[in-house]
């Protein structure tokens, strides 16, 4: 039987996470940098009454080749229409897009001088992506002034127009109130823009490591008219050397009906699991 973590070890691991600082250059412009790649070789997706979506935080975009291999295995079973990726750099996005034959939108929020690469969120799809936007979230982490942002784009696929958000909110290194403000910002923008779209998809890593906060995030979306399509998925990540299994990753939507959702827990390419959902138009 696995022995429970001592309170001292838990505190030590938390403090390491809390006070670790990285040297970052923040991209504060709302309109740059933005990398939007449409490849002529990507065939138009056939009309369909359903949409397959995966959200996946590929830790620091390190194990990209392994992630591509895992994605290809998934594609053999169930073709994916839209991927929402977090902690990505431009090279990683480009490799996945070319490896899977997808169009892509990548918007970094910062350049990490330690790792010598950008950090940001991406949308990859078999459809086309137009109207790219970067939503910079409120509050900077006091340790290094890191900010978070959302990558937003209109995905045209299956003869439908879908407003898509790839999200990565702050960790417990920021207060719960400030993290809640970030979630509110995402919801507010999603509500505002949903007046122009029948279909809205919001997914990504919300860093809801503790159950009470996780319930509050889901409740916020539900009370604002968004459905949580991954409410029964269970744990979506590994933390504290695999001893903790939090629920961090979600897919919320408007205009869709639920069909199926699950986490791919045999994935080895990140400390998060890819979370898959099938939605019906």
C-alpha atoms as a PDB file:
ATOM      1  CA  UNK A   1       0.000   0.000   0.000  1.00  0.00           C
ATOM      2  CA  UNK A   2       1.301   3.452  -0.875  1.00  0.00           C
ATOM      3  CA  UNK A   3       2.105   5.400   2.286  1.00  0.00           C
ATOM      4  CA  UNK A   4       0.544   8.859   2.619  1.00  0.00           C
ATOM      5  CA  UNK A   5       2.794  11.861   2.171  1.00  0.00           C
ATOM      6  CA  UNK A   6       3.881  13.525   5.380  1.00  0.00           C
ATOM      7  CA  UNK A   7       2.710  17.097   5.940  1.00  0.00           C
ATOM      8  CA  UNK A   8       6.344  18.275   5.900  1.00  0.00           C
ATOM      9  CA  UNK A   9       6.985  16.697   2.501  1.00  0.00           C
ATOM     10  CA  UNK A  10       3.785  18.166   1.109  1.00  0.00           C
ATOM     11  CA  UNK A  11       4.783  21.586   2.398  1.00  0.00           C
ATOM     12  CA  UNK A  12       8.286  21.267   0.940  1.00  0.00           C
ATOM     13  CA  UNK A  13       6.987  20.289  -2.489  1.00  0.00           C
ATOM     14  CA  UNK A  14       4.492  23.132  -2.406  1.00  0.00           C
ATOM     15  CA  UNK A  15       7.144  25.691  -1.464  1.00  0.00           C
ATOM     16  CA  UNK A  16       9.449  24.500  -4.241  1.00  0.00           C
ATOM     17  CA  UNK A  17       6.632  25.074  -6.711  1.00  0.00           C
ATOM     18  CA  UNK A  18       5.623  28.349  -5.123  1.00  0.00           C
ATOM     19  CA  UNK A  19       8.999  30.030  -5.043  1.00  0.00           C
ATOM     20  CA  UNK A  20      10.609  28.707  -8.191  1.00  0.00           C
ATOM     21  CA  UNK A  21      11.346  31.646 -10.482  1.00  0.00           C
ATOM     22  CA  UNK A  22      12.153  31.658 -14.159  1.00  0.00           C
ATOM     23  CA  UNK A  23      13.600  34.430 -16.284  1.00  0.00           C
ATOM     24  CA  UNK A  24      10.848  35.464 -18.688  1.00  0.00           C
ATOM     25  CA  UNK A  25      10.292  38.125 -21.313  1.00  0.00           C
ATOM     26  CA  UNK A  26       6.574  38.969 -21.405  1.00  0.00           C
ATOM     27  CA  UNK A  27       4.836  39.552 -24.744  1.00  0.00           C
ATOM     28  CA  UNK A  28       2.449  42.334 -23.780  1.00  0.00           C
ATOM     29  CA  UNK A  29       1.118  43.248 -27.222  1.00  0.00           C
ATOM     30  CA  UNK A  30      -2.392  41.983 -27.938  1.00  0.00           C
ATOM     31  CA  UNK A  31      -1.677  41.466 -31.647  1.00  0.00           C
ATOM     32  CA  UNK A  32       1.796  39.878 -31.637  1.00  0.00           C
ATOM     33  CA  UNK A  33       3.500  37.544 -31.869  1.00  0.00           C
ATOM     34  CA  UNK A  34       0.879  35.376 -33.599  1.00  0.00           C
ATOM     35  CA  UNK A  35       1.747  32.329 -35.723  1.00  0.00           C
ATOM     36  CA  UNK A  36      -1.138  31.206 -37.934  1.00  0.00           C
ATOM     37  CA  UNK A  37      -0.184  28.449 -40.384  1.00  0.00           C
ATOM     38  CA  UNK A  38      -2.570  27.107 -43.029  1.00  0.00           C
ATOM     39  CA  UNK A  39      -1.099  24.322 -45.114  1.00  0.00           C
ATOM     40  CA  UNK A  40      -2.440  23.659 -48.611  1.00  0.00           C
ATOM     41  CA  UNK A  41      -1.979  19.923 -48.088  1.00  0.00           C
ATOM     42  CA  UNK A  42      -4.556  19.808 -45.265  1.00  0.00           C
ATOM     43  CA  UNK A  43      -7.772  18.427 -46.809  1.00  0.00           C
ATOM     44  CA  UNK A  44     -11.077  20.020 -45.905  1.00  0.00           C
ATOM     45  CA  UNK A  45     -12.902  17.957 -43.286  1.00  0.00           C
ATOM     46  CA  UNK A  46     -16.062  16.303 -44.557  1.00  0.00           C
ATOM     47  CA  UNK A  47     -19.414  17.455 -43.160  1.00  0.00           C
ATOM     48  CA  UNK A  48     -20.300  15.693 -39.916  1.00  0.00           C
ATOM     49  CA  UNK A  49     -22.835  15.926 -37.093  1.00  0.00           C
ATOM     50  CA  UNK A  50     -20.128  15.476 -34.439  1.00  0.00           C
ATOM     51  CA  UNK A  51     -16.770  16.956 -33.387  1.00  0.00           C
ATOM     52  CA  UNK A  52     -13.804  15.151 -31.803  1.00  0.00           C
ATOM     53  CA  UNK A  53     -11.652  17.351 -29.554  1.00  0.00           C
ATOM     54  CA  UNK A  54      -8.492  16.792 -27.477  1.00  0.00           C
ATOM     55  CA  UNK A  55      -7.020  19.179 -24.920  1.00  0.00           C
ATOM     56  CA  UNK A  56      -3.442  18.404 -23.865  1.00  0.00           C
ATOM     57  CA  UNK A  57      -0.775  20.204 -21.848  1.00  0.00           C
ATOM     58  CA  UNK A  58       2.503  18.868 -23.273  1.00  0.00           C
ATOM     59  CA  UNK A  59       4.864  19.798 -20.451  1.00  0.00           C
ATOM     60  CA  UNK A  60       7.274  22.510 -21.688  1.00  0.00           C
ATOM     61  CA  UNK A  61       6.943  21.085 -25.222  1.00  0.00           C
ATOM     62  CA  UNK A  62       9.756  18.663 -24.382  1.00  0.00           C
ATOM     63  CA  UNK A  63       8.558  15.228 -25.526  1.00  0.00           C
ATOM     64  CA  UNK A  64       7.123  16.381 -28.833  1.00  0.00           C
ATOM     65  CA  UNK A  65       8.125  13.323 -30.884  1.00  0.00           C
ATOM     66  CA  UNK A  66       6.561  11.011 -28.299  1.00  0.00           C
ATOM     67  CA  UNK A  67       3.440  13.180 -28.225  1.00  0.00           C
ATOM     68  CA  UNK A  68       3.194  12.984 -32.027  1.00  0.00           C
ATOM     69  CA  UNK A  69       3.504   9.193 -31.863  1.00  0.00           C
ATOM     70  CA  UNK A  70       0.733   9.004 -29.266  1.00  0.00           C
ATOM     71  CA  UNK A  71      -1.483  11.346 -31.272  1.00  0.00           C
ATOM     72  CA  UNK A  72      -1.008   9.239 -34.400  1.00  0.00           C
ATOM     73  CA  UNK A  73      -2.070   6.141 -32.471  1.00  0.00           C
ATOM     74  CA  UNK A  74      -5.189   7.973 -31.321  1.00  0.00           C
ATOM     75  CA  UNK A  75      -5.893   9.133 -34.878  1.00  0.00           C
ATOM     76  CA  UNK A  76      -5.895   5.490 -36.031  1.00  0.00           C
ATOM     77  CA  UNK A  77      -8.775   4.790 -33.632  1.00  0.00           C
ATOM     78  CA  UNK A  78     -10.661   8.078 -33.717  1.00  0.00           C
ATOM     79  CA  UNK A  79      -9.721  11.013 -35.981  1.00  0.00           C
ATOM     80  CA  UNK A  80      -9.456  14.249 -33.994  1.00  0.00           C
ATOM     81  CA  UNK A  81     -10.901  17.461 -35.460  1.00  0.00           C
ATOM     82  CA  UNK A  82      -9.406  19.985 -33.013  1.00  0.00           C
ATOM     83  CA  UNK A  83      -6.436  19.865 -30.630  1.00  0.00           C
ATOM     84  CA  UNK A  84      -6.031  22.435 -27.840  1.00  0.00           C
ATOM     85  CA  UNK A  85      -2.410  22.449 -26.655  1.00  0.00           C
ATOM     86  CA  UNK A  86      -0.697  24.240 -23.758  1.00  0.00           C
ATOM     87  CA  UNK A  87       2.947  24.908 -22.727  1.00  0.00           C
ATOM     88  CA  UNK A  88       3.950  24.926 -26.367  1.00  0.00           C
ATOM     89  CA  UNK A  89       6.690  26.585 -28.397  1.00  0.00           C
ATOM     90  CA  UNK A  90       6.611  27.419 -32.101  1.00  0.00           C
ATOM     91  CA  UNK A  91       8.804  24.485 -33.144  1.00  0.00           C
ATOM     92  CA  UNK A  92       6.686  21.986 -31.220  1.00  0.00           C
ATOM     93  CA  UNK A  93       3.461  23.292 -32.735  1.00  0.00           C
ATOM     94  CA  UNK A  94       4.961  23.212 -36.227  1.00  0.00           C
ATOM     95  CA  UNK A  95       6.215  19.634 -35.777  1.00  0.00           C
ATOM     96  CA  UNK A  96       2.821  18.387 -34.586  1.00  0.00           C
ATOM     97  CA  UNK A  97       0.944  20.286 -37.303  1.00  0.00           C
ATOM     98  CA  UNK A  98       3.143  18.849 -40.055  1.00  0.00           C
ATOM     99  CA  UNK A  99       3.271  15.390 -38.470  1.00  0.00           C
ATOM    100  CA  UNK A 100      -0.510  15.104 -38.273  1.00  0.00           C
ATOM    101  CA  UNK A 101      -1.410  17.209 -41.311  1.00  0.00           C
ATOM    102  CA  UNK A 102      -3.149  20.027 -39.442  1.00  0.00           C
ATOM    103  CA  UNK A 103      -3.519  23.784 -39.638  1.00  0.00           C
ATOM    104  CA  UNK A 104      -2.370  25.672 -36.560  1.00  0.00           C
ATOM    105  CA  UNK A 105      -2.656  28.844 -34.526  1.00  0.00           C
ATOM    106  CA  UNK A 106       0.036  29.484 -31.924  1.00  0.00           C
ATOM    107  CA  UNK A 107       0.254  32.557 -29.677  1.00  0.00           C
ATOM    108  CA  UNK A 108       3.052  32.707 -27.083  1.00  0.00           C
ATOM    109  CA  UNK A 109       2.747  34.831 -23.953  1.00  0.00           C
ATOM    110  CA  UNK A 110       6.437  34.864 -22.962  1.00  0.00           C
ATOM    111  CA  UNK A 111       9.963  33.878 -23.907  1.00  0.00           C
ATOM    112  CA  UNK A 112      11.666  31.678 -21.299  1.00  0.00           C
ATOM    113  CA  UNK A 113      15.326  32.692 -21.227  1.00  0.00           C
ATOM    114  CA  UNK A 114      16.235  29.616 -19.163  1.00  0.00           C
ATOM    115  CA  UNK A 115      14.812  27.125 -21.661  1.00  0.00           C
ATOM    116  CA  UNK A 116      15.452  29.472 -24.621  1.00  0.00           C
ATOM    117  CA  UNK A 117      11.994  29.048 -26.081  1.00  0.00           C
ATOM    118  CA  UNK A 118       8.550  30.611 -26.126  1.00  0.00           C
ATOM    119  CA  UNK A 119       5.634  29.540 -23.927  1.00  0.00           C
ATOM    120  CA  UNK A 120       2.046  29.642 -25.105  1.00  0.00           C
ATOM    121  CA  UNK A 121      -1.144  27.919 -26.195  1.00  0.00           C
ATOM    122  CA  UNK A 122      -2.105  26.512 -29.576  1.00  0.00           C
ATOM    123  CA  UNK A 123      -5.092  25.376 -31.626  1.00  0.00           C
ATOM    124  CA  UNK A 124      -4.540  22.712 -34.296  1.00  0.00           C
ATOM    125  CA  UNK A 125      -7.294  21.512 -36.595  1.00  0.00           C
ATOM    126  CA  UNK A 126      -8.334  19.806 -39.808  1.00  0.00           C
ATOM    127  CA  UNK A 127     -10.425  22.888 -40.513  1.00  0.00           C
ATOM    128  CA  UNK A 128      -9.283  26.433 -41.179  1.00  0.00           C
ATOM    129  CA  UNK A 129      -8.512  29.044 -38.512  1.00  0.00           C
ATOM    130  CA  UNK A 130      -9.375  32.718 -38.907  1.00  0.00           C
ATOM    131  CA  UNK A 131      -9.665  35.791 -36.670  1.00  0.00           C
ATOM    132  CA  UNK A 132      -6.814  34.920 -34.258  1.00  0.00           C
ATOM    133  CA  UNK A 133      -6.849  36.704 -30.896  1.00  0.00           C
ATOM    134  CA  UNK A 134      -4.767  36.781 -27.735  1.00  0.00           C
ATOM    135  CA  UNK A 135      -6.648  37.398 -24.479  1.00  0.00           C
ATOM    136  CA  UNK A 136      -4.180  38.429 -21.766  1.00  0.00           C
ATOM    137  CA  UNK A 137      -5.491  37.348 -18.372  1.00  0.00           C
ATOM    138  CA  UNK A 138      -5.487  39.590 -15.288  1.00  0.00           C
ATOM    139  CA  UNK A 139      -2.734  39.428 -12.647  1.00  0.00           C
ATOM    140  CA  UNK A 140       0.965  38.641 -12.891  1.00  0.00           C
ATOM    141  CA  UNK A 141       2.705  36.082 -10.711  1.00  0.00           C
ATOM    142  CA  UNK A 142       4.658  38.153  -8.192  1.00  0.00           C
ATOM    143  CA  UNK A 143       7.751  35.921  -8.259  1.00  0.00           C
ATOM    144  CA  UNK A 144       8.639  36.677 -11.888  1.00  0.00           C
ATOM    145  CA  UNK A 145       5.778  38.823 -13.267  1.00  0.00           C
ATOM    146  CA  UNK A 146       4.681  35.950 -15.513  1.00  0.00           C
ATOM    147  CA  UNK A 147       1.306  36.493 -17.199  1.00  0.00           C
ATOM    148  CA  UNK A 148      -1.078  34.017 -18.748  1.00  0.00           C
ATOM    149  CA  UNK A 149      -3.020  34.362 -21.974  1.00  0.00           C
ATOM    150  CA  UNK A 150      -5.664  32.541 -23.991  1.00  0.00           C
ATOM    151  CA  UNK A 151      -5.299  31.634 -27.658  1.00  0.00           C
ATOM    152  CA  UNK A 152      -8.578  32.234 -29.490  1.00  0.00           C
ATOM    153  CA  UNK A 153      -9.571  31.552 -33.073  1.00  0.00           C
ATOM    154  CA  UNK A 154     -12.569  30.819 -35.260  1.00  0.00           C
ATOM    155  CA  UNK A 155     -12.328  27.254 -36.542  1.00  0.00           C
ATOM    156  CA  UNK A 156     -14.320  26.518 -39.704  1.00  0.00           C
ATOM    157  CA  UNK A 157     -14.906  22.777 -39.916  1.00  0.00           C
ATOM    158  CA  UNK A 158     -17.716  20.398 -40.916  1.00  0.00           C
ATOM    159  CA  UNK A 159     -19.431  23.427 -42.492  1.00  0.00           C
ATOM    160  CA  UNK A 160     -19.709  24.987 -39.020  1.00  0.00           C
ATOM    161  CA  UNK A 161     -18.027  28.017 -37.444  1.00  0.00           C
ATOM    162  CA  UNK A 162     -16.741  27.396 -33.908  1.00  0.00           C
ATOM    163  CA  UNK A 163     -15.156  29.937 -31.584  1.00  0.00           C
ATOM    164  CA  UNK A 164     -12.308  28.042 -29.909  1.00  0.00           C
ATOM    165  CA  UNK A 165     -10.271  28.922 -26.788  1.00  0.00           C
ATOM    166  CA  UNK A 166      -7.050  27.181 -25.711  1.00  0.00           C
ATOM    167  CA  UNK A 167      -6.650  28.040 -22.018  1.00  0.00           C
ATOM    168  CA  UNK A 168      -3.886  27.866 -19.402  1.00  0.00           C
ATOM    169  CA  UNK A 169      -4.621  29.635 -16.124  1.00  0.00           C
ATOM    170  CA  UNK A 170      -2.205  30.142 -13.248  1.00  0.00           C
ATOM    171  CA  UNK A 171      -1.085  27.544 -10.684  1.00  0.00           C
ATOM    172  CA  UNK A 172      -1.441  27.614  -6.885  1.00  0.00           C
ATOM    173  CA  UNK A 173       1.545  29.974  -6.879  1.00  0.00           C
ATOM    174  CA  UNK A 174      -1.149  32.637  -7.269  1.00  0.00           C
ATOM    175  CA  UNK A 175      -3.980  33.273  -4.822  1.00  0.00           C
ATOM    176  CA  UNK A 176      -7.299  31.554  -5.396  1.00  0.00           C
ATOM    177  CA  UNK A 177      -9.035  34.929  -5.744  1.00  0.00           C
ATOM    178  CA  UNK A 178      -6.678  36.008  -8.531  1.00  0.00           C
ATOM    179  CA  UNK A 179      -7.000  32.658 -10.309  1.00  0.00           C
ATOM    180  CA  UNK A 180     -10.774  32.987 -10.057  1.00  0.00           C
ATOM    181  CA  UNK A 181     -10.446  36.407 -11.706  1.00  0.00           C
ATOM    182  CA  UNK A 182      -8.642  34.727 -14.615  1.00  0.00           C
ATOM    183  CA  UNK A 183     -11.455  32.195 -15.008  1.00  0.00           C
ATOM    184  CA  UNK A 184     -14.020  35.016 -14.853  1.00  0.00           C
ATOM    185  CA  UNK A 185     -12.129  36.813 -17.621  1.00  0.00           C
ATOM    186  CA  UNK A 186     -12.293  33.727 -19.864  1.00  0.00           C
ATOM    187  CA  UNK A 187     -16.010  33.254 -19.164  1.00  0.00           C
ATOM    188  CA  UNK A 188     -16.833  36.914 -19.697  1.00  0.00           C
ATOM    189  CA  UNK A 189     -15.090  36.976 -23.069  1.00  0.00           C
ATOM    190  CA  UNK A 190     -16.705  33.697 -24.058  1.00  0.00           C
ATOM    191  CA  UNK A 191     -20.161  35.037 -23.182  1.00  0.00           C
ATOM    192  CA  UNK A 192     -19.512  38.272 -25.001  1.00  0.00           C
ATOM    193  CA  UNK A 193     -18.391  36.539 -28.185  1.00  0.00           C
ATOM    194  CA  UNK A 194     -21.003  33.782 -28.047  1.00  0.00           C
ATOM    195  CA  UNK A 195     -23.594  36.297 -29.249  1.00  0.00           C
ATOM    196  CA  UNK A 196     -21.854  35.951 -32.643  1.00  0.00           C
ATOM    197  CA  UNK A 197     -21.370  32.162 -32.599  1.00  0.00           C
ATOM    198  CA  UNK A 198     -23.735  29.244 -32.208  1.00  0.00           C
ATOM    199  CA  UNK A 199     -20.841  26.987 -31.180  1.00  0.00           C
ATOM    200  CA  UNK A 200     -18.201  27.884 -28.571  1.00  0.00           C
ATOM    201  CA  UNK A 201     -15.472  25.557 -27.281  1.00  0.00           C
ATOM    202  CA  UNK A 202     -13.289  26.452 -24.283  1.00  0.00           C
ATOM    203  CA  UNK A 203     -10.682  23.945 -23.139  1.00  0.00           C
ATOM    204  CA  UNK A 204      -7.320  23.576 -21.515  1.00  0.00           C
ATOM    205  CA  UNK A 205      -5.436  23.452 -18.233  1.00  0.00           C
ATOM    206  CA  UNK A 206      -7.214  25.328 -15.430  1.00  0.00           C
ATOM    207  CA  UNK A 207      -4.837  24.152 -12.672  1.00  0.00           C
ATOM    208  CA  UNK A 208      -7.700  23.173 -10.370  1.00  0.00           C
ATOM    209  CA  UNK A 209      -5.481  21.019  -8.163  1.00  0.00           C
ATOM    210  CA  UNK A 210      -7.866  21.004  -5.182  1.00  0.00           C
ATOM    211  CA  UNK A 211     -11.447  19.647  -5.345  1.00  0.00           C
ATOM    212  CA  UNK A 212     -13.170  22.675  -3.816  1.00  0.00           C
ATOM    213  CA  UNK A 213     -11.639  25.051  -6.354  1.00  0.00           C
ATOM    214  CA  UNK A 214     -12.352  22.578  -9.175  1.00  0.00           C
ATOM    215  CA  UNK A 215     -16.032  22.540  -8.230  1.00  0.00           C
ATOM    216  CA  UNK A 216     -16.134  26.329  -8.121  1.00  0.00           C
ATOM    217  CA  UNK A 217     -14.626  26.633 -11.632  1.00  0.00           C
ATOM    218  CA  UNK A 218     -17.140  24.166 -13.094  1.00  0.00           C
ATOM    219  CA  UNK A 219     -19.961  25.971 -11.269  1.00  0.00           C
ATOM    220  CA  UNK A 220     -18.851  29.321 -12.725  1.00  0.00           C
ATOM    221  CA  UNK A 221     -19.015  27.950 -16.264  1.00  0.00           C
ATOM    222  CA  UNK A 222     -22.315  26.152 -15.687  1.00  0.00           C
ATOM    223  CA  UNK A 223     -24.000  29.238 -14.225  1.00  0.00           C
ATOM    224  CA  UNK A 224     -22.798  31.225 -17.256  1.00  0.00           C
ATOM    225  CA  UNK A 225     -24.442  28.878 -19.739  1.00  0.00           C
ATOM    226  CA  UNK A 226     -21.490  26.627 -20.571  1.00  0.00           C
ATOM    227  CA  UNK A 227     -21.645  22.826 -20.330  1.00  0.00           C
ATOM    228  CA  UNK A 228     -18.744  20.905 -18.819  1.00  0.00           C
ATOM    229  CA  UNK A 229     -18.169  18.088 -21.297  1.00  0.00           C
ATOM    230  CA  UNK A 230     -15.518  16.410 -19.134  1.00  0.00           C
ATOM    231  CA  UNK A 231     -17.277  16.318 -15.754  1.00  0.00           C
ATOM    232  CA  UNK A 232     -16.980  12.519 -15.431  1.00  0.00           C
ATOM    233  CA  UNK A 233     -13.428  12.136 -16.779  1.00  0.00           C
ATOM    234  CA  UNK A 234     -11.668  12.031 -13.385  1.00  0.00           C
ATOM    235  CA  UNK A 235      -7.983  12.810 -12.873  1.00  0.00           C
ATOM    236  CA  UNK A 236      -6.190  14.407 -15.818  1.00  0.00           C
ATOM    237  CA  UNK A 237      -2.634  14.861 -14.534  1.00  0.00           C
ATOM    238  CA  UNK A 238       0.145  13.526 -12.336  1.00  0.00           C
ATOM    239  CA  UNK A 239       1.729  15.707  -9.648  1.00  0.00           C
ATOM    240  CA  UNK A 240       4.226  15.460  -6.802  1.00  0.00           C
ATOM    241  CA  UNK A 241       6.218  12.628  -8.412  1.00  0.00           C
ATOM    242  CA  UNK A 242       3.034  10.811  -9.395  1.00  0.00           C
ATOM    243  CA  UNK A 243       1.668  10.618  -5.851  1.00  0.00           C
ATOM    244  CA  UNK A 244      -1.187  13.042  -6.549  1.00  0.00           C
ATOM    245  CA  UNK A 245      -3.694  12.828  -9.416  1.00  0.00           C
ATOM    246  CA  UNK A 246      -5.496  16.174  -9.771  1.00  0.00           C
ATOM    247  CA  UNK A 247      -8.251  17.175 -12.171  1.00  0.00           C
ATOM    248  CA  UNK A 248      -6.732  20.105 -14.081  1.00  0.00           C
ATOM    249  CA  UNK A 249      -7.955  19.832 -17.664  1.00  0.00           C
ATOM    250  CA  UNK A 250     -11.469  20.554 -18.967  1.00  0.00           C
ATOM    251  CA  UNK A 251     -13.611  21.109 -22.031  1.00  0.00           C
ATOM    252  CA  UNK A 252     -16.532  23.549 -21.737  1.00  0.00           C
ATOM    253  CA  UNK A 253     -18.924  24.373 -24.549  1.00  0.00           C
ATOM    254  CA  UNK A 254     -22.047  26.120 -25.816  1.00  0.00           C
ATOM    255  CA  UNK A 255     -24.241  24.769 -28.601  1.00  0.00           C
ATOM    256  CA  UNK A 256     -23.055  21.162 -28.390  1.00  0.00           C
ATOM    257  CA  UNK A 257     -24.583  17.998 -26.949  1.00  0.00           C
ATOM    258  CA  UNK A 258     -22.418  15.546 -25.006  1.00  0.00           C
ATOM    259  CA  UNK A 259     -21.529  12.193 -26.550  1.00  0.00           C
ATOM    260  CA  UNK A 260     -18.350  10.874 -24.909  1.00  0.00           C
ATOM    261  CA  UNK A 261     -15.263  11.955 -22.933  1.00  0.00           C
ATOM    262  CA  UNK A 262     -12.270  10.304 -21.290  1.00  0.00           C
ATOM    263  CA  UNK A 263      -8.635  10.858 -20.268  1.00  0.00           C
ATOM    264  CA  UNK A 264      -5.901   8.892 -22.064  1.00  0.00           C
ATOM    265  CA  UNK A 265      -4.008   7.716 -18.980  1.00  0.00           C
ATOM    266  CA  UNK A 266      -1.435   5.535 -20.743  1.00  0.00           C
ATOM    267  CA  UNK A 267       0.127   8.643 -22.302  1.00  0.00           C
ATOM    268  CA  UNK A 268       3.814   9.122 -21.382  1.00  0.00           C
ATOM    269  CA  UNK A 269       4.634  12.395 -23.137  1.00  0.00           C
ATOM    270  CA  UNK A 270       3.641  14.793 -20.321  1.00  0.00           C
ATOM    271  CA  UNK A 271       2.635  15.083 -16.674  1.00  0.00           C
ATOM    272  CA  UNK A 272      -0.893  15.734 -18.033  1.00  0.00           C
ATOM    273  CA  UNK A 273      -3.093  13.236 -19.839  1.00  0.00           C
ATOM    274  CA  UNK A 274      -4.703  14.075 -23.172  1.00  0.00           C
ATOM    275  CA  UNK A 275      -8.429  14.595 -22.554  1.00  0.00           C
ATOM    276  CA  UNK A 276     -10.684  13.490 -25.417  1.00  0.00           C
ATOM    277  CA  UNK A 277     -14.327  14.410 -26.022  1.00  0.00           C
ATOM    278  CA  UNK A 278     -16.864  13.805 -28.775  1.00  0.00           C
ATOM    279  CA  UNK A 279     -19.554  16.477 -29.068  1.00  0.00           C
ATOM    280  CA  UNK A 280     -22.651  16.558 -31.251  1.00  0.00           C
ATOM    281  CA  UNK A 281     -23.660  19.654 -33.204  1.00  0.00           C
END
